[in-house]
Protein backbone atom coordinates (compact mmCIF):
# COMPACT_ATOMS: atom_id res chain seq x y z
CA UNK A 1 -0.01 0.00 0.03
CA UNK A 2 1.50 3.35 -0.96
CA UNK A 3 0.41 4.85 2.38
CA UNK A 4 2.35 2.35 4.28
CA UNK A 5 5.97 2.56 2.89
CA UNK A 6 7.53 0.49 5.71
CA UNK A 7 5.43 -2.63 4.72
CA UNK A 8 8.54 -3.72 2.92
CA UNK A 9 9.88 -4.60 6.39
CA UNK A 10 7.62 -7.64 6.65
CA UNK A 11 9.27 -9.26 9.60
CA UNK A 12 7.80 -6.71 12.02
CA UNK A 13 4.24 -7.55 11.02
CA UNK A 14 3.92 -11.02 12.51
CA UNK A 15 5.66 -14.00 14.12
CA UNK A 16 4.66 -17.26 12.43
CA UNK A 17 4.97 -20.91 13.62
CA UNK A 18 3.37 -23.75 11.79
CA UNK A 19 -0.15 -22.48 10.97
CA UNK A 20 -0.31 -19.82 13.72
CA UNK A 21 0.60 -16.15 13.51
CA UNK A 22 0.92 -13.60 16.17
CA UNK A 23 0.51 -10.23 14.76
CA UNK A 24 2.87 -7.39 15.61
CA UNK A 25 1.59 -4.68 17.79
CA UNK A 26 3.51 -1.88 16.21
CA UNK A 27 3.80 1.89 16.95
CA UNK A 28 1.26 4.15 15.52
CA UNK A 29 3.24 5.02 12.41
CA UNK A 30 3.28 1.47 11.42
CA UNK A 31 -0.01 0.30 12.82
CA UNK A 32 -1.69 0.65 9.41
CA UNK A 33 0.23 -2.38 8.07
CA UNK A 34 -1.42 -4.78 10.36
CA UNK A 35 -4.89 -4.99 8.68
CA UNK A 36 -3.12 -5.98 5.40
CA UNK A 37 -1.18 -8.68 7.03
CA UNK A 38 -4.14 -10.05 8.82
CA UNK A 39 -6.05 -10.25 5.74
CA UNK A 40 -3.25 -12.05 3.89
CA UNK A 41 -2.61 -14.51 6.68
CA UNK A 42 -6.24 -15.28 7.11
CA UNK A 43 -6.62 -15.83 3.37
CA UNK A 44 -3.61 -18.23 3.48
CA UNK A 45 -5.30 -20.24 6.25
CA UNK A 46 -3.24 -19.14 9.22
CA UNK A 47 -4.90 -18.85 12.64
CA UNK A 48 -4.26 -15.15 13.38
CA UNK A 49 -3.73 -14.02 16.95
CA UNK A 50 -3.51 -10.41 18.17
CA UNK A 51 -0.78 -9.59 20.67
CA UNK A 52 -2.19 -7.23 23.36
CA UNK A 53 1.36 -5.89 24.16
CA UNK A 54 3.83 -3.80 22.20
CA UNK A 55 5.47 -6.37 19.94
CA UNK A 56 7.74 -5.97 16.84
CA UNK A 57 7.04 -9.43 15.34
CA UNK A 58 9.92 -11.35 13.97
CA UNK A 59 12.03 -8.36 13.82
CA UNK A 60 12.43 -8.67 17.60
CA UNK A 61 11.69 -12.44 18.01
CA UNK A 62 14.05 -14.75 16.04
CA UNK A 63 13.34 -18.50 16.02
CA UNK A 64 16.69 -20.37 16.55
CA UNK A 65 15.45 -23.60 14.86
CA UNK A 66 15.98 -25.34 18.27
CA UNK A 67 12.52 -24.62 19.75
CA UNK A 68 13.87 -21.50 21.37
CA UNK A 69 13.19 -17.83 20.39
CA UNK A 70 15.63 -15.02 20.91
CA UNK A 71 13.31 -12.29 22.09
CA UNK A 72 14.05 -8.61 22.57
CA UNK A 73 12.81 -6.37 25.36
CA UNK A 74 12.04 -2.71 25.91
CA UNK A 75 12.82 -0.80 22.71
CA UNK A 76 10.06 -2.29 20.57
CA UNK A 77 8.63 -5.22 22.37
CA UNK A 78 7.13 -5.14 25.90
CA UNK A 79 8.61 -7.90 28.15
CA UNK A 80 4.97 -8.83 28.97
CA UNK A 81 4.74 -10.19 25.37
CA UNK A 82 7.09 -13.04 26.33
CA UNK A 83 4.49 -15.15 28.13
CA UNK A 84 1.92 -14.36 25.61
CA UNK A 85 4.19 -15.61 22.64
CA UNK A 86 5.24 -18.61 24.66
CA UNK A 87 1.54 -19.56 25.31
CA UNK A 88 0.52 -18.80 21.75
CA UNK A 89 3.32 -20.45 19.80
CA UNK A 90 4.92 -22.75 22.29
CA UNK A 91 8.45 -21.24 21.92
CA UNK A 92 10.91 -21.28 24.89
CA UNK A 93 11.80 -17.67 25.27
CA UNK A 94 15.39 -16.43 25.60
CA UNK A 95 14.86 -12.78 26.73
CA UNK A 96 17.64 -10.35 25.65
CA UNK A 97 18.21 -6.66 25.99
CA UNK A 98 20.52 -4.51 23.74
CA UNK A 99 22.67 -1.67 25.11
CA UNK A 100 20.74 1.06 23.34
CA UNK A 101 17.83 1.79 21.14
CA UNK A 102 20.24 1.97 18.22
CA UNK A 103 19.66 -1.81 18.36
CA UNK A 104 15.86 -1.50 18.52
CA UNK A 105 15.18 -4.89 16.88
CA UNK A 106 16.83 -8.21 17.37
CA UNK A 107 17.30 -8.69 13.63
CA UNK A 108 19.97 -5.91 13.72
CA UNK A 109 21.96 -7.90 16.17
CA UNK A 110 21.27 -11.56 15.26
CA UNK A 111 21.11 -13.51 12.07
CA UNK A 112 19.89 -17.03 12.16
CA UNK A 113 22.15 -19.03 9.68
CA UNK A 114 20.60 -22.39 10.14
CA UNK A 115 19.06 -24.26 12.98
CA UNK A 116 21.21 -23.71 16.14
CA UNK A 117 23.68 -21.54 14.35
CA UNK A 118 23.44 -17.77 15.05
CA UNK A 119 25.58 -14.77 13.98
CA UNK A 120 25.57 -12.26 16.83
CA UNK A 121 27.00 -8.88 17.55
CA UNK A 122 27.84 -9.48 21.25
CA UNK A 123 29.04 -5.94 21.84
CA UNK A 124 25.38 -4.69 21.16
CA UNK A 125 24.01 -6.80 24.11
CA UNK A 126 24.03 -6.16 27.85
CA UNK A 127 26.02 -8.40 30.09
CA UNK A 128 23.01 -10.46 31.34
CA UNK A 129 21.94 -11.22 27.82
CA UNK A 130 25.40 -12.20 26.84
CA UNK A 131 25.61 -14.61 29.88
CA UNK A 132 22.15 -16.04 29.19
CA UNK A 133 23.09 -16.90 25.49
CA UNK A 134 26.57 -18.22 26.34
CA UNK A 135 25.10 -20.62 28.80
CA UNK A 136 23.10 -22.34 26.01
CA UNK A 137 24.30 -25.66 24.86
CA UNK A 138 21.85 -25.85 21.98
CA UNK A 139 23.30 -22.90 20.15
CA UNK A 140 26.57 -22.22 18.22
CA UNK A 141 27.60 -18.56 17.50
CA UNK A 142 29.47 -16.82 14.77
CA UNK A 143 30.85 -13.52 16.22
CA UNK A 144 29.93 -10.31 14.26
CA UNK A 145 32.00 -7.11 14.81
CA UNK A 146 29.90 -4.17 15.90
CA UNK A 147 31.25 -2.11 12.95
CA UNK A 148 29.85 -4.74 10.54
CA UNK A 149 26.52 -4.97 12.52
CA UNK A 150 26.29 -1.24 11.97
CA UNK A 151 26.08 -2.02 8.33
CA UNK A 152 22.95 -4.11 8.99
CA UNK A 153 24.75 -7.45 8.06
CA UNK A 154 22.84 -9.45 10.73
CA UNK A 155 19.57 -8.41 9.04
CA UNK A 156 20.08 -11.43 6.67
CA UNK A 157 18.13 -14.27 5.14
CA UNK A 158 19.52 -17.80 5.15
CA UNK A 159 18.11 -21.20 4.10
CA UNK A 160 21.09 -23.00 5.64
CA UNK A 161 22.97 -23.23 2.46
CA UNK A 162 22.83 -19.65 0.93
CA UNK A 163 23.09 -16.49 3.07
CA UNK A 164 21.74 -13.27 1.55
CA UNK A 165 22.87 -10.19 3.40
CA UNK A 166 23.88 -6.46 3.01
CA UNK A 167 27.26 -5.44 1.90
CA UNK A 168 29.62 -4.28 4.53
CA UNK A 169 30.35 -7.43 6.37
CA UNK A 170 33.61 -8.78 4.87
CA UNK A 171 34.59 -10.70 8.07
CA UNK A 172 31.17 -12.29 8.53
CA UNK A 173 31.07 -13.22 4.80
CA UNK A 174 34.38 -14.78 5.03
CA UNK A 175 33.47 -16.69 8.09
CA UNK A 176 30.35 -18.03 6.46
CA UNK A 177 32.26 -19.00 3.25
CA UNK A 178 34.73 -20.98 5.42
CA UNK A 179 31.83 -22.91 6.60
CA UNK A 180 30.86 -23.72 3.03
CA UNK A 181 27.94 -21.42 2.84
CA UNK A 182 27.19 -19.46 -0.25
CA UNK A 183 27.09 -15.65 0.48
CA UNK A 184 25.20 -13.24 -1.67
CA UNK A 185 25.53 -9.63 -0.77
CA UNK A 186 23.35 -6.68 -1.79
CA UNK A 187 23.75 -2.92 -1.37
CA UNK A 188 21.31 -0.89 0.72
CA UNK A 189 20.56 2.49 -0.72
């Protein structure tokens, strides 16, 4: 919709698992996107669930592929949405908090490469979040430098074999290629 230019950032509009979708509860400037997403999801046969708390959809809630969900707090998602998401979709919630609103959504700090393999910009996370993640035995991490994360490289898409990510992450690209993943980069203009 031409009146909703941020609709291109589709991750924020919902979090989907199997045939259930929890809609984002977005700030007023983006709330107009939700009726479009609701209509599409319902037409596609999804059970659509409204989140009563501020929630930035999959922009702030990243499934790890292990049954857990890395879930942001404060900047765009209310911590009260954790229990709601757990009850609605059955994810184990790994609550995290970034060091500033510069990292307002999790998809700026984390990139899910394949089930259990997560690219993470550790320096964007507070100490408790870092400790919580490092204690996990079901996840393996690829370190991302903060300078590269500033280039939005964690906001990537991966099918477990090919990773599509913004330019500006030569170190992350090299690490992924050493793991025999194909890396495709694109410019952000």
